[in-house]
Amino acid sequence: MKLIIIDRKAWEQHCSDFADFVHRIEQLIGNPPVKDEWLDNEAVCRRLGISKRYRDMGKISYSMIGHKCYYKESDITELLNAKSE
């Protein structure tokens, strides 16, 4: 691992410059609406305590990109809420 040490004032200036850059970009493109976060198989399985095969049972909707499945966090939250009721 390589460590790089910089002065605190230089770091704070860098952070400030980056925040200004982000602000300018947001002004140019507008603030996009807040969207669902997507979770991969591993994250969903850990959160629900299930196996990867659970999605094959049709209980959870998902989107596939390449060979990887992604799930909407709101769908997982809904499923957890329904399970607890």
N, C-alpha and C. Protein backbone atom coordinates (compact mmCIF):
# COMPACT_ATOMS: atom_id res chain seq x y z
N MET A 1 0.84 -1.17 0.00
CA MET A 1 0.00 0.00 0.00
C MET A 1 0.89 1.23 0.00
N LYS A 2 0.51 2.20 -0.82
CA LYS A 2 1.29 3.42 -0.93
C LYS A 2 0.55 4.54 -0.20
N LEU A 3 1.23 5.23 0.68
CA LEU A 3 0.63 6.34 1.43
C LEU A 3 1.11 7.66 0.86
N ILE A 4 0.19 8.59 0.72
CA ILE A 4 0.54 9.93 0.27
C ILE A 4 0.09 10.90 1.36
N ILE A 5 1.00 11.72 1.82
CA ILE A 5 0.70 12.65 2.89
C ILE A 5 0.66 14.06 2.30
N ILE A 6 -0.46 14.77 2.60
CA ILE A 6 -0.55 16.16 2.13
C ILE A 6 -0.94 17.04 3.31
N ASP A 7 -0.65 18.31 3.17
CA ASP A 7 -0.94 19.30 4.18
C ASP A 7 -2.46 19.44 4.34
N ARG A 8 -2.93 19.65 5.58
CA ARG A 8 -4.36 19.78 5.85
C ARG A 8 -4.99 20.90 5.03
N LYS A 9 -4.33 22.04 4.93
CA LYS A 9 -4.90 23.17 4.16
C LYS A 9 -5.02 22.80 2.68
N ALA A 10 -4.04 22.08 2.15
CA ALA A 10 -4.10 21.65 0.75
C ALA A 10 -5.27 20.68 0.55
N TRP A 11 -5.46 19.76 1.52
CA TRP A 11 -6.58 18.82 1.43
C TRP A 11 -7.92 19.55 1.49
N GLU A 12 -8.03 20.48 2.42
CA GLU A 12 -9.29 21.23 2.55
C GLU A 12 -9.57 22.05 1.29
N GLN A 13 -8.53 22.61 0.69
CA GLN A 13 -8.69 23.36 -0.55
C GLN A 13 -9.15 22.43 -1.68
N HIS A 14 -8.56 21.24 -1.73
CA HIS A 14 -8.95 20.25 -2.73
C HIS A 14 -10.43 19.87 -2.56
N CYS A 15 -10.85 19.61 -1.33
CA CYS A 15 -12.25 19.25 -1.05
C CYS A 15 -13.19 20.38 -1.43
N SER A 16 -12.80 21.60 -1.13
CA SER A 16 -13.61 22.78 -1.47
C SER A 16 -13.73 22.93 -2.99
N ASP A 17 -12.61 22.77 -3.68
CA ASP A 17 -12.62 22.87 -5.15
C ASP A 17 -13.51 21.79 -5.76
N PHE A 18 -13.45 20.59 -5.20
CA PHE A 18 -14.27 19.50 -5.72
C PHE A 18 -15.75 19.77 -5.47
N ALA A 19 -16.09 20.28 -4.29
CA ALA A 19 -17.49 20.62 -3.99
C ALA A 19 -17.99 21.70 -4.94
N ASP A 20 -17.15 22.68 -5.24
CA ASP A 20 -17.53 23.72 -6.22
C ASP A 20 -17.75 23.12 -7.60
N PHE A 21 -16.90 22.19 -7.98
CA PHE A 21 -17.04 21.51 -9.26
C PHE A 21 -18.38 20.76 -9.34
N VAL A 22 -18.69 20.01 -8.30
CA VAL A 22 -19.95 19.26 -8.25
C VAL A 22 -21.13 20.23 -8.33
N HIS A 23 -21.05 21.32 -7.62
CA HIS A 23 -22.13 22.32 -7.64
C HIS A 23 -22.32 22.88 -9.05
N ARG A 24 -21.22 23.18 -9.75
CA ARG A 24 -21.32 23.70 -11.12
C ARG A 24 -21.94 22.66 -12.06
N ILE A 25 -21.55 21.41 -11.91
CA ILE A 25 -22.12 20.34 -12.74
C ILE A 25 -23.61 20.22 -12.47
N GLU A 26 -24.01 20.24 -11.21
CA GLU A 26 -25.43 20.15 -10.87
C GLU A 26 -26.22 21.30 -11.47
N GLN A 27 -25.63 22.49 -11.50
CA GLN A 27 -26.31 23.63 -12.11
C GLN A 27 -26.47 23.42 -13.61
N LEU A 28 -25.48 22.82 -14.25
CA LEU A 28 -25.55 22.59 -15.69
C LEU A 28 -26.58 21.53 -16.07
N ILE A 29 -26.64 20.45 -15.30
CA ILE A 29 -27.53 19.35 -15.66
C ILE A 29 -28.79 19.30 -14.82
N GLY A 30 -28.86 20.10 -13.79
CA GLY A 30 -30.01 20.04 -12.90
C GLY A 30 -29.84 18.90 -11.92
N ASN A 31 -30.57 18.93 -10.86
CA ASN A 31 -30.50 17.85 -9.88
C ASN A 31 -31.40 16.71 -10.33
N PRO A 32 -30.84 15.55 -10.61
CA PRO A 32 -31.68 14.43 -11.02
C PRO A 32 -32.55 13.97 -9.85
N PRO A 33 -33.71 13.41 -10.13
CA PRO A 33 -34.57 12.93 -9.04
C PRO A 33 -33.88 11.81 -8.27
N VAL A 34 -34.23 11.70 -7.01
CA VAL A 34 -33.66 10.65 -6.19
C VAL A 34 -34.21 9.32 -6.70
N LYS A 35 -33.32 8.39 -6.93
CA LYS A 35 -33.72 7.09 -7.48
C LYS A 35 -33.40 6.00 -6.48
N ASP A 36 -34.04 4.87 -6.71
CA ASP A 36 -33.78 3.70 -5.89
C ASP A 36 -32.32 3.29 -6.00
N GLU A 37 -31.80 2.83 -4.91
CA GLU A 37 -30.46 2.26 -4.94
C GLU A 37 -30.60 0.79 -5.35
N TRP A 38 -29.64 0.29 -6.09
CA TRP A 38 -29.67 -1.09 -6.55
C TRP A 38 -28.67 -1.92 -5.74
N LEU A 39 -29.07 -3.11 -5.38
CA LEU A 39 -28.23 -4.02 -4.61
C LEU A 39 -27.92 -5.25 -5.45
N ASP A 40 -26.71 -5.79 -5.30
CA ASP A 40 -26.37 -7.00 -6.04
C ASP A 40 -26.79 -8.23 -5.24
N ASN A 41 -26.62 -9.41 -5.86
CA ASN A 41 -27.02 -10.68 -5.24
C ASN A 41 -26.47 -10.84 -3.83
N GLU A 42 -25.19 -10.59 -3.71
CA GLU A 42 -24.51 -10.80 -2.43
C GLU A 42 -25.12 -9.94 -1.33
N ALA A 43 -25.36 -8.66 -1.63
CA ALA A 43 -25.91 -7.74 -0.64
C ALA A 43 -27.32 -8.16 -0.23
N VAL A 44 -28.12 -8.57 -1.21
CA VAL A 44 -29.49 -8.99 -0.92
C VAL A 44 -29.50 -10.25 -0.07
N CYS A 45 -28.68 -11.22 -0.43
CA CYS A 45 -28.63 -12.47 0.33
C CYS A 45 -28.21 -12.23 1.78
N ARG A 46 -27.22 -11.36 1.97
CA ARG A 46 -26.79 -11.03 3.34
C ARG A 46 -27.92 -10.35 4.10
N ARG A 47 -28.58 -9.41 3.46
CA ARG A 47 -29.62 -8.63 4.13
C ARG A 47 -30.84 -9.48 4.49
N LEU A 48 -31.19 -10.42 3.61
CA LEU A 48 -32.36 -11.25 3.85
C LEU A 48 -32.04 -12.59 4.51
N GLY A 49 -30.75 -12.95 4.52
CA GLY A 49 -30.37 -14.24 5.09
C GLY A 49 -30.90 -15.39 4.24
N ILE A 50 -30.78 -15.27 2.92
CA ILE A 50 -31.29 -16.29 2.00
C ILE A 50 -30.19 -16.74 1.04
N SER A 51 -30.50 -17.78 0.27
CA SER A 51 -29.55 -18.25 -0.75
C SER A 51 -29.82 -17.53 -2.06
N LYS A 52 -28.88 -17.61 -2.97
CA LYS A 52 -29.00 -16.95 -4.28
C LYS A 52 -30.12 -17.55 -5.11
N ARG A 53 -30.54 -18.74 -4.82
CA ARG A 53 -31.59 -19.42 -5.59
C ARG A 53 -32.99 -18.87 -5.27
N TYR A 54 -33.12 -18.09 -4.22
CA TYR A 54 -34.43 -17.59 -3.79
C TYR A 54 -35.10 -16.79 -4.90
N ARG A 55 -34.33 -16.05 -5.67
CA ARG A 55 -34.92 -15.23 -6.73
C ARG A 55 -35.56 -16.08 -7.82
N ASP A 56 -35.06 -17.31 -7.97
CA ASP A 56 -35.63 -18.21 -8.97
C ASP A 56 -37.05 -18.63 -8.62
N MET A 57 -37.45 -18.44 -7.38
CA MET A 57 -38.79 -18.80 -6.95
C MET A 57 -39.80 -17.71 -7.29
N GLY A 58 -39.35 -16.59 -7.87
CA GLY A 58 -40.25 -15.52 -8.28
C GLY A 58 -40.71 -14.61 -7.16
N LYS A 59 -40.07 -14.66 -6.02
CA LYS A 59 -40.47 -13.84 -4.88
C LYS A 59 -39.93 -12.42 -4.96
N ILE A 60 -38.81 -12.25 -5.66
CA ILE A 60 -38.16 -10.95 -5.74
C ILE A 60 -37.92 -10.61 -7.21
N SER A 61 -38.36 -9.41 -7.63
CA SER A 61 -38.07 -9.00 -9.00
C SER A 61 -36.63 -8.48 -9.05
N TYR A 62 -36.02 -8.61 -10.22
CA TYR A 62 -34.64 -8.19 -10.38
C TYR A 62 -34.38 -7.80 -11.83
N SER A 63 -33.28 -7.10 -12.04
CA SER A 63 -32.82 -6.76 -13.38
C SER A 63 -31.46 -7.40 -13.57
N MET A 64 -31.21 -7.87 -14.77
CA MET A 64 -29.94 -8.53 -15.04
C MET A 64 -29.13 -7.67 -16.01
N ILE A 65 -27.91 -7.40 -15.63
CA ILE A 65 -26.97 -6.67 -16.48
C ILE A 65 -25.77 -7.58 -16.65
N GLY A 66 -25.55 -7.98 -17.89
CA GLY A 66 -24.51 -8.97 -18.13
C GLY A 66 -24.93 -10.26 -17.48
N HIS A 67 -24.10 -10.78 -16.61
CA HIS A 67 -24.43 -12.02 -15.89
C HIS A 67 -24.68 -11.75 -14.42
N LYS A 68 -24.99 -10.49 -14.08
CA LYS A 68 -25.15 -10.12 -12.68
C LYS A 68 -26.57 -9.60 -12.44
N CYS A 69 -27.18 -10.02 -11.33
CA CYS A 69 -28.53 -9.59 -10.98
C CYS A 69 -28.48 -8.44 -9.99
N TYR A 70 -29.39 -7.49 -10.18
CA TYR A 70 -29.51 -6.35 -9.28
C TYR A 70 -30.96 -6.21 -8.84
N TYR A 71 -31.15 -5.78 -7.60
CA TYR A 71 -32.47 -5.66 -7.00
C TYR A 71 -32.67 -4.24 -6.49
N LYS A 72 -33.89 -3.72 -6.60
CA LYS A 72 -34.19 -2.40 -6.05
C LYS A 72 -34.24 -2.53 -4.54
N GLU A 73 -33.61 -1.59 -3.88
CA GLU A 73 -33.60 -1.61 -2.42
C GLU A 73 -35.02 -1.48 -1.88
N SER A 74 -35.87 -0.68 -2.55
CA SER A 74 -37.24 -0.50 -2.08
C SER A 74 -38.03 -1.81 -2.15
N ASP A 75 -37.76 -2.65 -3.15
CA ASP A 75 -38.43 -3.96 -3.23
C ASP A 75 -38.01 -4.85 -2.07
N ILE A 76 -36.74 -4.80 -1.72
CA ILE A 76 -36.24 -5.61 -0.61
C ILE A 76 -36.86 -5.13 0.70
N THR A 77 -36.93 -3.82 0.88
CA THR A 77 -37.54 -3.25 2.09
C THR A 77 -39.01 -3.65 2.17
N GLU A 78 -39.73 -3.59 1.05
CA GLU A 78 -41.13 -4.02 1.00
C GLU A 78 -41.28 -5.47 1.43
N LEU A 79 -40.42 -6.32 0.89
CA LEU A 79 -40.46 -7.73 1.22
C LEU A 79 -40.22 -7.95 2.72
N LEU A 80 -39.26 -7.25 3.28
CA LEU A 80 -38.98 -7.37 4.71
C LEU A 80 -40.15 -6.89 5.54
N ASN A 81 -40.78 -5.78 5.13
CA ASN A 81 -41.94 -5.26 5.86
C ASN A 81 -43.12 -6.23 5.80
N ALA A 82 -43.35 -6.83 4.63
CA ALA A 82 -44.44 -7.78 4.48
C ALA A 82 -44.19 -9.04 5.32
N LYS A 83 -42.94 -9.43 5.40
CA LYS A 83 -42.57 -10.63 6.16
C LYS A 83 -42.79 -10.41 7.66
N SER A 84 -42.56 -9.18 8.13
CA SER A 84 -42.67 -8.90 9.56
C SER A 84 -44.13 -8.70 10.01
N GLU A 85 -45.02 -8.50 9.05
CA GLU A 85 -46.44 -8.27 9.41
C GLU A 85 -47.18 -9.56 9.65
